[in-house]
Amino acid sequence: ILNITHLPQIASRGEHHFLVYKEQTHAGETVSNIRLLTDEERV
């Protein structure tokens, strides 16, 4: 199951958590990124 949510009751059920975030490049473009969170980052 891959689940995109903003509810902690649901997010906490995940075995792994990824953070999706946006960044601006040097050229001024906005790009979306994703990275696996560590245990403490999950908290």
PDB file of all heavy atoms in Angstrom:
ATOM      1  N   ILE A   1       0.857  -1.189   0.000  1.00  0.00           N
ATOM      2  CA  ILE A   1       0.000   0.000   0.000  1.00  0.00           C
ATOM      3  C   ILE A   1       0.887   1.231   0.000  1.00  0.00           C
ATOM      4  O   ILE A   1       1.773   1.364   0.847  1.00  0.00           O
ATOM      5  CB  ILE A   1      -0.892   0.045   1.272  1.00  0.00           C
ATOM      6  CG1 ILE A   1      -1.744  -1.200   1.404  1.00  0.00           C
ATOM      7  CG2 ILE A   1      -1.730   1.317   1.291  1.00  0.00           C
ATOM      8  CD1 ILE A   1      -2.923  -1.277   0.496  1.00  0.00           C
ATOM      9  N   LEU A   2       0.670   2.129  -0.947  1.00  0.00           N
ATOM     10  CA  LEU A   2       1.296   3.446  -0.930  1.00  0.00           C
ATOM     11  C   LEU A   2       0.171   4.424  -0.628  1.00  0.00           C
ATOM     12  O   LEU A   2      -0.821   4.483  -1.363  1.00  0.00           O
ATOM     13  CB  LEU A   2       1.936   3.777  -2.282  1.00  0.00           C
ATOM     14  CG  LEU A   2       3.063   2.859  -2.735  1.00  0.00           C
ATOM     15  CD1 LEU A   2       3.555   3.252  -4.115  1.00  0.00           C
ATOM     16  CD2 LEU A   2       4.210   2.877  -1.750  1.00  0.00           C
ATOM     17  N   ASN A   3       0.316   5.181   0.454  1.00  0.00           N
ATOM     18  CA  ASN A   3      -0.781   6.016   0.919  1.00  0.00           C
ATOM     19  C   ASN A   3      -0.297   7.441   1.163  1.00  0.00           C
ATOM     20  O   ASN A   3       0.629   7.661   1.934  1.00  0.00           O
ATOM     21  CB  ASN A   3      -1.351   5.417   2.210  1.00  0.00           C
ATOM     22  CG  ASN A   3      -2.586   6.133   2.664  1.00  0.00           C
ATOM     23  OD1 ASN A   3      -3.376   6.579   1.862  1.00  0.00           O
ATOM     24  ND2 ASN A   3      -2.743   6.267   3.965  1.00  0.00           N
ATOM     25  N   ILE A   4      -0.947   8.399   0.512  1.00  0.00           N
ATOM     26  CA  ILE A   4      -0.641   9.810   0.714  1.00  0.00           C
ATOM     27  C   ILE A   4      -1.696  10.348   1.673  1.00  0.00           C
ATOM     28  O   ILE A   4      -2.890  10.275   1.386  1.00  0.00           O
ATOM     29  CB  ILE A   4      -0.686  10.580  -0.628  1.00  0.00           C
ATOM     30  CG1 ILE A   4       0.349   9.980  -1.592  1.00  0.00           C
ATOM     31  CG2 ILE A   4      -0.455  12.070  -0.402  1.00  0.00           C
ATOM     32  CD1 ILE A   4       0.148  10.356  -3.032  1.00  0.00           C
ATOM     33  N   THR A   5      -1.250  10.865   2.812  1.00  0.00           N
ATOM     34  CA  THR A   5      -2.199  11.316   3.825  1.00  0.00           C
ATOM     35  C   THR A   5      -1.632  12.481   4.627  1.00  0.00           C
ATOM     36  O   THR A   5      -0.421  12.679   4.675  1.00  0.00           O
ATOM     37  CB  THR A   5      -2.573  10.167   4.784  1.00  0.00           C
ATOM     38  OG1 THR A   5      -3.578  10.615   5.693  1.00  0.00           O
ATOM     39  CG2 THR A   5      -1.372   9.678   5.568  1.00  0.00           C
ATOM     40  N   HIS A   6      -2.550  13.234   5.253  1.00  0.00           N
ATOM     41  CA  HIS A   6      -2.155  14.282   6.200  1.00  0.00           C
ATOM     42  C   HIS A   6      -2.709  13.983   7.580  1.00  0.00           C
ATOM     43  O   HIS A   6      -2.647  14.833   8.467  1.00  0.00           O
ATOM     44  CB  HIS A   6      -2.645  15.653   5.717  1.00  0.00           C
ATOM     45  CG  HIS A   6      -1.956  16.110   4.475  1.00  0.00           C
ATOM     46  ND1 HIS A   6      -2.491  15.945   3.219  1.00  0.00           N
ATOM     47  CD2 HIS A   6      -0.752  16.708   4.286  1.00  0.00           C
ATOM     48  CE1 HIS A   6      -1.650  16.430   2.312  1.00  0.00           C
ATOM     49  NE2 HIS A   6      -0.590  16.900   2.944  1.00  0.00           N
ATOM     50  N   LEU A   7      -3.269  12.796   7.776  1.00  0.00           N
ATOM     51  CA  LEU A   7      -3.842  12.440   9.073  1.00  0.00           C
ATOM     52  C   LEU A   7      -2.869  11.566   9.864  1.00  0.00           C
ATOM     53  O   LEU A   7      -2.456  10.503   9.390  1.00  0.00           O
ATOM     54  CB  LEU A   7      -5.165  11.692   8.897  1.00  0.00           C
ATOM     55  CG  LEU A   7      -6.328  12.515   8.351  1.00  0.00           C
ATOM     56  CD1 LEU A   7      -7.576  11.650   8.219  1.00  0.00           C
ATOM     57  CD2 LEU A   7      -6.617  13.706   9.243  1.00  0.00           C
ATOM     58  N   PRO A   8      -2.502  11.979  11.075  1.00  0.00           N
ATOM     59  CA  PRO A   8      -1.539  11.189  11.853  1.00  0.00           C
ATOM     60  C   PRO A   8      -2.055   9.800  12.221  1.00  0.00           C
ATOM     61  O   PRO A   8      -1.266   8.864  12.300  1.00  0.00           O
ATOM     62  CB  PRO A   8      -1.303  12.042  13.106  1.00  0.00           C
ATOM     63  CG  PRO A   8      -2.435  13.004  13.167  1.00  0.00           C
ATOM     64  CD  PRO A   8      -2.897  13.215  11.756  1.00  0.00           C
ATOM     65  N   GLN A   9      -3.382   9.653  12.404  1.00  0.00           N
ATOM     66  CA  GLN A   9      -3.930   8.337  12.747  1.00  0.00           C
ATOM     67  C   GLN A   9      -3.690   7.331  11.624  1.00  0.00           C
ATOM     68  O   GLN A   9      -3.577   6.133  11.863  1.00  0.00           O
ATOM     69  CB  GLN A   9      -5.441   8.423  13.005  1.00  0.00           C
ATOM     70  CG  GLN A   9      -5.826   9.297  14.162  1.00  0.00           C
ATOM     71  CD  GLN A   9      -6.182  10.709  13.706  1.00  0.00           C
ATOM     72  OE1 GLN A   9      -5.618  11.240  12.767  1.00  0.00           O
ATOM     73  NE2 GLN A   9      -7.120  11.318  14.401  1.00  0.00           N
ATOM     74  N   ILE A  10      -3.644   7.825  10.402  1.00  0.00           N
ATOM     75  CA  ILE A  10      -3.419   6.947   9.253  1.00  0.00           C
ATOM     76  C   ILE A  10      -1.921   6.851   8.941  1.00  0.00           C
ATOM     77  O   ILE A  10      -1.393   5.763   8.724  1.00  0.00           O
ATOM     78  CB  ILE A  10      -4.223   7.430   8.034  1.00  0.00           C
ATOM     79  CG1 ILE A  10      -5.717   7.230   8.338  1.00  0.00           C
ATOM     80  CG2 ILE A  10      -3.812   6.707   6.762  1.00  0.00           C
ATOM     81  CD1 ILE A  10      -6.664   7.707   7.288  1.00  0.00           C
ATOM     82  N   ALA A  11      -1.237   7.974   8.974  1.00  0.00           N
ATOM     83  CA  ALA A  11       0.197   7.967   8.661  1.00  0.00           C
ATOM     84  C   ALA A  11       0.978   7.066   9.612  1.00  0.00           C
ATOM     85  O   ALA A  11       1.915   6.386   9.201  1.00  0.00           O
ATOM     86  CB  ALA A  11       0.751   9.390   8.723  1.00  0.00           C
ATOM     87  N   SER A  12       0.568   7.028  10.870  1.00  0.00           N
ATOM     88  CA  SER A  12       1.305   6.221  11.853  1.00  0.00           C
ATOM     89  C   SER A  12       1.267   4.736  11.535  1.00  0.00           C
ATOM     90  O   SER A  12       2.099   3.974  12.018  1.00  0.00           O
ATOM     91  CB  SER A  12       0.744   6.461  13.258  1.00  0.00           C
ATOM     92  OG  SER A  12      -0.592   6.008  13.344  1.00  0.00           O
ATOM     93  N   ARG A  13       0.316   4.304  10.714  1.00  0.00           N
ATOM     94  CA  ARG A  13       0.186   2.880  10.380  1.00  0.00           C
ATOM     95  C   ARG A  13       1.194   2.421   9.343  1.00  0.00           C
ATOM     96  O   ARG A  13       1.342   1.228   9.098  1.00  0.00           O
ATOM     97  CB  ARG A  13      -1.228   2.582   9.859  1.00  0.00           C
ATOM     98  CG  ARG A  13      -2.322   2.952  10.826  1.00  0.00           C
ATOM     99  CD  ARG A  13      -2.200   2.126  12.053  1.00  0.00           C
ATOM    100  NE  ARG A  13      -3.148   2.539  13.067  1.00  0.00           N
ATOM    101  CZ  ARG A  13      -3.622   1.761  13.991  1.00  0.00           C
ATOM    102  NH1 ARG A  13      -3.229   0.512  14.063  1.00  0.00           N
ATOM    103  NH2 ARG A  13      -4.456   2.210  14.877  1.00  0.00           N
ATOM    104  N   GLY A  14       1.903   3.353   8.728  1.00  0.00           N
ATOM    105  CA  GLY A  14       2.862   2.985   7.691  1.00  0.00           C
ATOM    106  C   GLY A  14       4.096   2.300   8.242  1.00  0.00           C
ATOM    107  O   GLY A  14       4.590   2.652   9.318  1.00  0.00           O
ATOM    108  N   GLU A  15       4.602   1.333   7.509  1.00  0.00           N
ATOM    109  CA  GLU A  15       5.832   0.650   7.911  1.00  0.00           C
ATOM    110  C   GLU A  15       7.051   1.504   7.590  1.00  0.00           C
ATOM    111  O   GLU A  15       8.056   1.476   8.282  1.00  0.00           O
ATOM    112  CB  GLU A  15       5.930  -0.702   7.192  1.00  0.00           C
ATOM    113  CG  GLU A  15       6.970  -1.612   7.768  1.00  0.00           C
ATOM    114  CD  GLU A  15       6.888  -3.012   7.175  1.00  0.00           C
ATOM    115  OE1 GLU A  15       5.783  -3.483   6.863  1.00  0.00           O
ATOM    116  OE2 GLU A  15       7.958  -3.626   7.031  1.00  0.00           O
ATOM    117  N   HIS A  16       6.949   2.267   6.503  1.00  0.00           N
ATOM    118  CA  HIS A  16       8.000   3.207   6.095  1.00  0.00           C
ATOM    119  C   HIS A  16       7.324   4.525   5.773  1.00  0.00           C
ATOM    120  O   HIS A  16       6.173   4.552   5.324  1.00  0.00           O
ATOM    121  CB  HIS A  16       8.736   2.706   4.843  1.00  0.00           C
ATOM    122  CG  HIS A  16       9.352   1.358   5.016  1.00  0.00           C
ATOM    123  ND1 HIS A  16      10.525   1.155   5.708  1.00  0.00           N
ATOM    124  CD2 HIS A  16       8.953   0.132   4.597  1.00  0.00           C
ATOM    125  CE1 HIS A  16      10.817  -0.129   5.698  1.00  0.00           C
ATOM    126  NE2 HIS A  16       9.870  -0.780   5.035  1.00  0.00           N
ATOM    127  N   HIS A  17       8.043   5.619   5.978  1.00  0.00           N
ATOM    128  CA  HIS A  17       7.504   6.937   5.668  1.00  0.00           C
ATOM    129  C   HIS A  17       8.448   7.678   4.730  1.00  0.00           C
ATOM    130  O   HIS A  17       9.669   7.651   4.921  1.00  0.00           O
ATOM    131  CB  HIS A  17       7.305   7.762   6.945  1.00  0.00           C
ATOM    132  CG  HIS A  17       6.187   7.263   7.786  1.00  0.00           C
ATOM    133  ND1 HIS A  17       6.375   6.437   8.861  1.00  0.00           N
ATOM    134  CD2 HIS A  17       4.857   7.460   7.695  1.00  0.00           C
ATOM    135  CE1 HIS A  17       5.209   6.153   9.403  1.00  0.00           C
ATOM    136  NE2 HIS A  17       4.274   6.753   8.711  1.00  0.00           N
ATOM    137  N   PHE A  18       7.843   8.321   3.762  1.00  0.00           N
ATOM    138  CA  PHE A  18       8.577   9.154   2.823  1.00  0.00           C
ATOM    139  C   PHE A  18       8.050  10.576   2.939  1.00  0.00           C
ATOM    140  O   PHE A  18       6.852  10.780   3.112  1.00  0.00           O
ATOM    141  CB  PHE A  18       8.384   8.669   1.380  1.00  0.00           C
ATOM    142  CG  PHE A  18       8.997   7.322   1.107  1.00  0.00           C
ATOM    143  CD1 PHE A  18       8.302   6.155   1.405  1.00  0.00           C
ATOM    144  CD2 PHE A  18      10.266   7.222   0.564  1.00  0.00           C
ATOM    145  CE1 PHE A  18       8.857   4.909   1.167  1.00  0.00           C
ATOM    146  CE2 PHE A  18      10.837   5.976   0.319  1.00  0.00           C
ATOM    147  CZ  PHE A  18      10.126   4.822   0.623  1.00  0.00           C
ATOM    148  N   LEU A  19       8.933  11.539   2.838  1.00  0.00           N
ATOM    149  CA  LEU A  19       8.541  12.936   2.837  1.00  0.00           C
ATOM    150  C   LEU A  19       8.595  13.442   1.404  1.00  0.00           C
ATOM    151  O   LEU A  19       9.618  13.295   0.726  1.00  0.00           O
ATOM    152  CB  LEU A  19       9.488  13.757   3.726  1.00  0.00           C
ATOM    153  CG  LEU A  19       9.200  15.253   3.770  1.00  0.00           C
ATOM    154  CD1 LEU A  19       7.869  15.533   4.459  1.00  0.00           C
ATOM    155  CD2 LEU A  19      10.344  15.978   4.480  1.00  0.00           C
ATOM    156  N   VAL A  20       7.494  14.016   0.953  1.00  0.00           N
ATOM    157  CA  VAL A  20       7.448  14.648  -0.364  1.00  0.00           C
ATOM    158  C   VAL A  20       7.563  16.153  -0.121  1.00  0.00           C
ATOM    159  O   VAL A  20       6.814  16.709   0.684  1.00  0.00           O
ATOM    160  CB  VAL A  20       6.132  14.314  -1.101  1.00  0.00           C
ATOM    161  CG1 VAL A  20       6.090  15.022  -2.446  1.00  0.00           C
ATOM    162  CG2 VAL A  20       5.988  12.809  -1.271  1.00  0.00           C
ATOM    163  N   TYR A  21       8.509  16.788  -0.795  1.00  0.00           N
ATOM    164  CA  TYR A  21       8.708  18.221  -0.581  1.00  0.00           C
ATOM    165  C   TYR A  21       9.142  18.879  -1.883  1.00  0.00           C
ATOM    166  O   TYR A  21       9.550  18.220  -2.837  1.00  0.00           O
ATOM    167  CB  TYR A  21       9.756  18.460   0.523  1.00  0.00           C
ATOM    168  CG  TYR A  21      11.119  17.890   0.204  1.00  0.00           C
ATOM    169  CD1 TYR A  21      12.142  18.689  -0.302  1.00  0.00           C
ATOM    170  CD2 TYR A  21      11.394  16.531   0.400  1.00  0.00           C
ATOM    171  CE1 TYR A  21      13.387  18.164  -0.599  1.00  0.00           C
ATOM    172  CE2 TYR A  21      12.637  15.997   0.106  1.00  0.00           C
ATOM    173  CZ  TYR A  21      13.631  16.816  -0.395  1.00  0.00           C
ATOM    174  OH  TYR A  21      14.855  16.284  -0.699  1.00  0.00           O
ATOM    175  N   LYS A  22       9.005  20.219  -1.912  1.00  0.00           N
ATOM    176  CA  LYS A  22       9.369  20.987  -3.106  1.00  0.00           C
ATOM    177  C   LYS A  22      10.593  21.833  -2.812  1.00  0.00           C
ATOM    178  O   LYS A  22      10.771  22.312  -1.701  1.00  0.00           O
ATOM    179  CB  LYS A  22       8.201  21.865  -3.534  1.00  0.00           C
ATOM    180  CG  LYS A  22       7.018  21.031  -3.988  1.00  0.00           C
ATOM    181  CD  LYS A  22       5.915  21.858  -4.562  1.00  0.00           C
ATOM    182  CE  LYS A  22       4.824  20.872  -4.968  1.00  0.00           C
ATOM    183  NZ  LYS A  22       3.792  21.413  -5.728  1.00  0.00           N
ATOM    184  N   GLU A  23      11.421  21.974  -3.843  1.00  0.00           N
ATOM    185  CA  GLU A  23      12.628  22.789  -3.736  1.00  0.00           C
ATOM    186  C   GLU A  23      12.746  23.655  -4.980  1.00  0.00           C
ATOM    187  O   GLU A  23      12.241  23.296  -6.046  1.00  0.00           O
ATOM    188  CB  GLU A  23      13.878  21.895  -3.699  1.00  0.00           C
ATOM    189  CG  GLU A  23      14.232  21.352  -2.361  1.00  0.00           C
ATOM    190  CD  GLU A  23      15.546  20.582  -2.429  1.00  0.00           C
ATOM    191  OE1 GLU A  23      15.836  19.934  -3.452  1.00  0.00           O
ATOM    192  OE2 GLU A  23      16.276  20.661  -1.446  1.00  0.00           O
ATOM    193  N   GLN A  24      13.455  24.758  -4.808  1.00  0.00           N
ATOM    194  CA  GLN A  24      13.719  25.607  -5.948  1.00  0.00           C
ATOM    195  C   GLN A  24      15.151  25.376  -6.409  1.00  0.00           C
ATOM    196  O   GLN A  24      16.084  25.359  -5.581  1.00  0.00           O
ATOM    197  CB  GLN A  24      13.517  27.076  -5.574  1.00  0.00           C
ATOM    198  CG  GLN A  24      13.218  27.916  -6.779  1.00  0.00           C
ATOM    199  CD  GLN A  24      12.177  28.969  -6.468  1.00  0.00           C
ATOM    200  OE1 GLN A  24      12.036  29.369  -5.337  1.00  0.00           O
ATOM    201  NE2 GLN A  24      11.454  29.389  -7.471  1.00  0.00           N
ATOM    202  N   THR A  25      15.338  25.172  -7.708  1.00  0.00           N
ATOM    203  CA  THR A  25      16.682  24.955  -8.256  1.00  0.00           C
ATOM    204  C   THR A  25      17.378  26.309  -8.432  1.00  0.00           C
ATOM    205  O   THR A  25      16.756  27.364  -8.306  1.00  0.00           O
ATOM    206  CB  THR A  25      16.609  24.233  -9.623  1.00  0.00           C
ATOM    207  OG1 THR A  25      15.978  25.104 -10.562  1.00  0.00           O
ATOM    208  CG2 THR A  25      15.839  22.928  -9.515  1.00  0.00           C
ATOM    209  N   HIS A  26      18.678  26.241  -8.766  1.00  0.00           N
ATOM    210  CA  HIS A  26      19.424  27.479  -9.025  1.00  0.00           C
ATOM    211  C   HIS A  26      18.852  28.225 -10.221  1.00  0.00           C
ATOM    212  O   HIS A  26      18.971  29.445 -10.304  1.00  0.00           O
ATOM    213  CB  HIS A  26      20.918  27.168  -9.260  1.00  0.00           C
ATOM    214  CG  HIS A  26      21.590  26.614  -8.048  1.00  0.00           C
ATOM    215  ND1 HIS A  26      21.728  27.335  -6.888  1.00  0.00           N
ATOM    216  CD2 HIS A  26      22.141  25.394  -7.791  1.00  0.00           C
ATOM    217  CE1 HIS A  26      22.346  26.597  -5.980  1.00  0.00           C
ATOM    218  NE2 HIS A  26      22.614  25.403  -6.498  1.00  0.00           N
ATOM    219  N   ALA A  27      18.223  27.486 -11.129  1.00  0.00           N
ATOM    220  CA  ALA A  27      17.637  28.114 -12.318  1.00  0.00           C
ATOM    221  C   ALA A  27      16.261  28.711 -12.024  1.00  0.00           C
ATOM    222  O   ALA A  27      15.629  29.290 -12.900  1.00  0.00           O
ATOM    223  CB  ALA A  27      17.528  27.079 -13.441  1.00  0.00           C
ATOM    224  N   GLY A  28      15.790  28.554 -10.778  1.00  0.00           N
ATOM    225  CA  GLY A  28      14.501  29.144 -10.417  1.00  0.00           C
ATOM    226  C   GLY A  28      13.300  28.227 -10.641  1.00  0.00           C
ATOM    227  O   GLY A  28      12.159  28.646 -10.453  1.00  0.00           O
ATOM    228  N   GLU A  29      13.546  26.994 -11.042  1.00  0.00           N
ATOM    229  CA  GLU A  29      12.445  26.051 -11.243  1.00  0.00           C
ATOM    230  C   GLU A  29      12.088  25.382  -9.918  1.00  0.00           C
ATOM    231  O   GLU A  29      12.954  25.162  -9.071  1.00  0.00           O
ATOM    232  CB  GLU A  29      12.846  24.957 -12.241  1.00  0.00           C
ATOM    233  CG  GLU A  29      13.111  25.460 -13.639  1.00  0.00           C
ATOM    234  CD  GLU A  29      13.581  24.332 -14.543  1.00  0.00           C
ATOM    235  OE1 GLU A  29      14.336  23.455 -14.066  1.00  0.00           O
ATOM    236  OE2 GLU A  29      13.194  24.324 -15.711  1.00  0.00           O
ATOM    237  N   THR A  30      10.824  25.048  -9.771  1.00  0.00           N
ATOM    238  CA  THR A  30      10.375  24.313  -8.589  1.00  0.00           C
ATOM    239  C   THR A  30      10.281  22.840  -8.954  1.00  0.00           C
ATOM    240  O   THR A  30       9.645  22.481  -9.938  1.00  0.00           O
ATOM    241  CB  THR A  30       9.000  24.820  -8.109  1.00  0.00           C
ATOM    242  OG1 THR A  30       9.111  26.215  -7.823  1.00  0.00           O
ATOM    243  CG2 THR A  30       8.547  24.090  -6.862  1.00  0.00           C
ATOM    244  N   VAL A  31      10.943  21.999  -8.149  1.00  0.00           N
ATOM    245  CA  VAL A  31      10.920  20.558  -8.400  1.00  0.00           C
ATOM    246  C   VAL A  31      10.434  19.839  -7.143  1.00  0.00           C
ATOM    247  O   VAL A  31      10.660  20.294  -6.024  1.00  0.00           O
ATOM    248  CB  VAL A  31      12.313  20.006  -8.809  1.00  0.00           C
ATOM    249  CG1 VAL A  31      12.752  20.564 -10.147  1.00  0.00           C
ATOM    250  CG2 VAL A  31      13.353  20.306  -7.746  1.00  0.00           C
ATOM    251  N   SER A  32       9.745  18.731  -7.353  1.00  0.00           N
ATOM    252  CA  SER A  32       9.291  17.903  -6.239  1.00  0.00           C
ATOM    253  C   SER A  32      10.306  16.815  -5.972  1.00  0.00           C
ATOM    254  O   SER A  32      10.877  16.244  -6.903  1.00  0.00           O
ATOM    255  CB  SER A  32       7.938  17.264  -6.576  1.00  0.00           C
ATOM    256  OG  SER A  32       6.951  18.256  -6.684  1.00  0.00           O
ATOM    257  N   ASN A  33      10.528  16.534  -4.695  1.00  0.00           N
ATOM    258  CA  ASN A  33      11.459  15.496  -4.282  1.00  0.00           C
ATOM    259  C   ASN A  33      10.781  14.577  -3.276  1.00  0.00           C
ATOM    260  O   ASN A  33       9.761  14.932  -2.684  1.00  0.00           O
ATOM    261  CB  ASN A  33      12.701  16.112  -3.621  1.00  0.00           C
ATOM    262  CG  ASN A  33      13.551  16.877  -4.601  1.00  0.00           C
ATOM    263  OD1 ASN A  33      13.926  16.360  -5.630  1.00  0.00           O
ATOM    264  ND2 ASN A  33      13.843  18.124  -4.278  1.00  0.00           N
ATOM    265  N   ILE A  34      11.383  13.419  -3.080  1.00  0.00           N
ATOM    266  CA  ILE A  34      10.878  12.467  -2.095  1.00  0.00           C
ATOM    267  C   ILE A  34      12.076  11.795  -1.446  1.00  0.00           C
ATOM    268  O   ILE A  34      13.086  11.533  -2.115  1.00  0.00           O
ATOM    269  CB  ILE A  34       9.942  11.423  -2.746  1.00  0.00           C
ATOM    270  CG1 ILE A  34       9.316  10.520  -1.686  1.00  0.00           C
ATOM    271  CG2 ILE A  34      10.643  10.636  -3.834  1.00  0.00           C
ATOM    272  CD1 ILE A  34       8.202   9.636  -2.221  1.00  0.00           C
ATOM    273  N   ARG A  35      11.969  11.578  -0.127  1.00  0.00           N
ATOM    274  CA  ARG A  35      13.058  10.858   0.536  1.00  0.00           C
ATOM    275  C   ARG A  35      12.503  10.027   1.683  1.00  0.00           C
ATOM    276  O   ARG A  35      11.517  10.379   2.324  1.00  0.00           O
ATOM    277  CB  ARG A  35      14.158  11.788   1.005  1.00  0.00           C
ATOM    278  CG  ARG A  35      13.812  12.684   2.139  1.00  0.00           C
ATOM    279  CD  ARG A  35      15.016  13.568   2.520  1.00  0.00           C
ATOM    280  NE  ARG A  35      14.686  14.487   3.582  1.00  0.00           N
ATOM    281  CZ  ARG A  35      14.641  14.176   4.868  1.00  0.00           C
ATOM    282  NH1 ARG A  35      14.948  12.952   5.269  1.00  0.00           N
ATOM    283  NH2 ARG A  35      14.320  15.068   5.779  1.00  0.00           N
ATOM    284  N   LEU A  36      13.171   8.906   1.938  1.00  0.00           N
ATOM    285  CA  LEU A  36      12.811   8.005   3.021  1.00  0.00           C
ATOM    286  C   LEU A  36      13.229   8.633   4.346  1.00  0.00           C
ATOM    287  O   LEU A  36      14.337   9.155   4.472  1.00  0.00           O
ATOM    288  CB  LEU A  36      13.525   6.656   2.830  1.00  0.00           C
ATOM    289  CG  LEU A  36      13.282   5.580   3.888  1.00  0.00           C
ATOM    290  CD1 LEU A  36      11.825   5.149   3.911  1.00  0.00           C
ATOM    291  CD2 LEU A  36      14.185   4.381   3.606  1.00  0.00           C
ATOM    292  N   LEU A  37      12.330   8.594   5.326  1.00  0.00           N
ATOM    293  CA  LEU A  37      12.615   9.186   6.636  1.00  0.00           C
ATOM    294  C   LEU A  37      13.251   8.171   7.577  1.00  0.00           C
ATOM    295  O   LEU A  37      12.937   6.987   7.542  1.00  0.00           O
ATOM    296  CB  LEU A  37      11.318   9.706   7.272  1.00  0.00           C
ATOM    297  CG  LEU A  37      10.593  10.818   6.517  1.00  0.00           C
ATOM    298  CD1 LEU A  37       9.301  11.184   7.236  1.00  0.00           C
ATOM    299  CD2 LEU A  37      11.479  12.042   6.356  1.00  0.00           C
ATOM    300  N   THR A  38      14.132   8.666   8.437  1.00  0.00           N
ATOM    301  CA  THR A  38      14.686   7.834   9.505  1.00  0.00           C
ATOM    302  C   THR A  38      13.615   7.666  10.582  1.00  0.00           C
ATOM    303  O   THR A  38      12.580   8.344  10.557  1.00  0.00           O
ATOM    304  CB  THR A  38      15.922   8.503  10.140  1.00  0.00           C
ATOM    305  OG1 THR A  38      15.493   9.708  10.796  1.00  0.00           O
ATOM    306  CG2 THR A  38      16.988   8.814   9.098  1.00  0.00           C
ATOM    307  N   ASP A  39      13.867   6.790  11.543  1.00  0.00           N
ATOM    308  CA  ASP A  39      12.896   6.574  12.620  1.00  0.00           C
ATOM    309  C   ASP A  39      12.584   7.866  13.364  1.00  0.00           C
ATOM    310  O   ASP A  39      11.424   8.160  13.657  1.00  0.00           O
ATOM    311  CB  ASP A  39      13.408   5.520  13.602  1.00  0.00           C
ATOM    312  CG  ASP A  39      13.358   4.112  13.015  1.00  0.00           C
ATOM    313  OD1 ASP A  39      12.663   3.918  11.988  1.00  0.00           O
ATOM    314  OD2 ASP A  39      13.998   3.212  13.576  1.00  0.00           O
ATOM    315  N   GLU A  40      13.624   8.646  13.697  1.00  0.00           N
ATOM    316  CA  GLU A  40      13.379   9.892  14.446  1.00  0.00           C
ATOM    317  C   GLU A  40      12.678  10.933  13.569  1.00  0.00           C
ATOM    318  O   GLU A  40      11.826  11.686  14.048  1.00  0.00           O
ATOM    319  CB  GLU A  40      14.688  10.447  15.007  1.00  0.00           C
ATOM    320  CG  GLU A  40      14.503  11.562  16.020  1.00  0.00           C
ATOM    321  CD  GLU A  40      13.539  11.232  17.176  1.00  0.00           C
ATOM    322  OE1 GLU A  40      13.478  10.066  17.626  1.00  0.00           O
ATOM    323  OE2 GLU A  40      12.841  12.148  17.630  1.00  0.00           O
ATOM    324  N   GLU A  41      13.021  10.983  12.280  1.00  0.00           N
ATOM    325  CA  GLU A  41      12.333  11.909  11.367  1.00  0.00           C
ATOM    326  C   GLU A  41      10.850  11.547  11.230  1.00  0.00           C
ATOM    327  O   GLU A  41      10.001  12.435  11.110  1.00  0.00           O
ATOM    328  CB  GLU A  41      13.011  11.892   9.989  1.00  0.00           C
ATOM    329  CG  GLU A  41      14.352  12.593   9.955  1.00  0.00           C
ATOM    330  CD  GLU A  41      15.072  12.402   8.631  1.00  0.00           C
ATOM    331  OE1 GLU A  41      14.885  11.346   7.977  1.00  0.00           O
ATOM    332  OE2 GLU A  41      15.824  13.311   8.250  1.00  0.00           O
ATOM    333  N   ARG A  42      10.552  10.255  11.277  1.00  0.00           N
ATOM    334  CA  ARG A  42       9.144   9.829  11.242  1.00  0.00           C
ATOM    335  C   ARG A  42       8.384  10.430  12.414  1.00  0.00           C
ATOM    336  O   ARG A  42       7.268  10.938  12.260  1.00  0.00           O
ATOM    337  CB  ARG A  42       9.035   8.300  11.321  1.00  0.00           C
ATOM    338  CG  ARG A  42       9.498   7.564  10.108  1.00  0.00           C
ATOM    339  CD  ARG A  42       9.553   6.074  10.352  1.00  0.00           C
ATOM    340  NE  ARG A  42       8.206   5.522  10.497  1.00  0.00           N
ATOM    341  CZ  ARG A  42       7.955   4.272  10.792  1.00  0.00           C
ATOM    342  NH1 ARG A  42       8.937   3.419  11.000  1.00  0.00           N
ATOM    343  NH2 ARG A  42       6.721   3.830  10.890  1.00  0.00           N
ATOM    344  N   VAL A  43       8.994  10.370  13.605  1.00  0.00           N
ATOM    345  CA  VAL A  43       8.361  10.922  14.812  1.00  0.00           C
ATOM    346  C   VAL A  43       8.117  12.421  14.638  1.00  0.00           C
ATOM    347  O   VAL A  43       7.025  12.927  14.925  1.00  0.00           O
ATOM    348  CB  VAL A  43       9.230  10.646  16.061  1.00  0.00           C
ATOM    349  CG1 VAL A  43       8.684  11.380  17.272  1.00  0.00           C
ATOM    350  CG2 VAL A  43       9.320   9.148  16.333  1.00  0.00           C
TER     351      VAL A  43
END
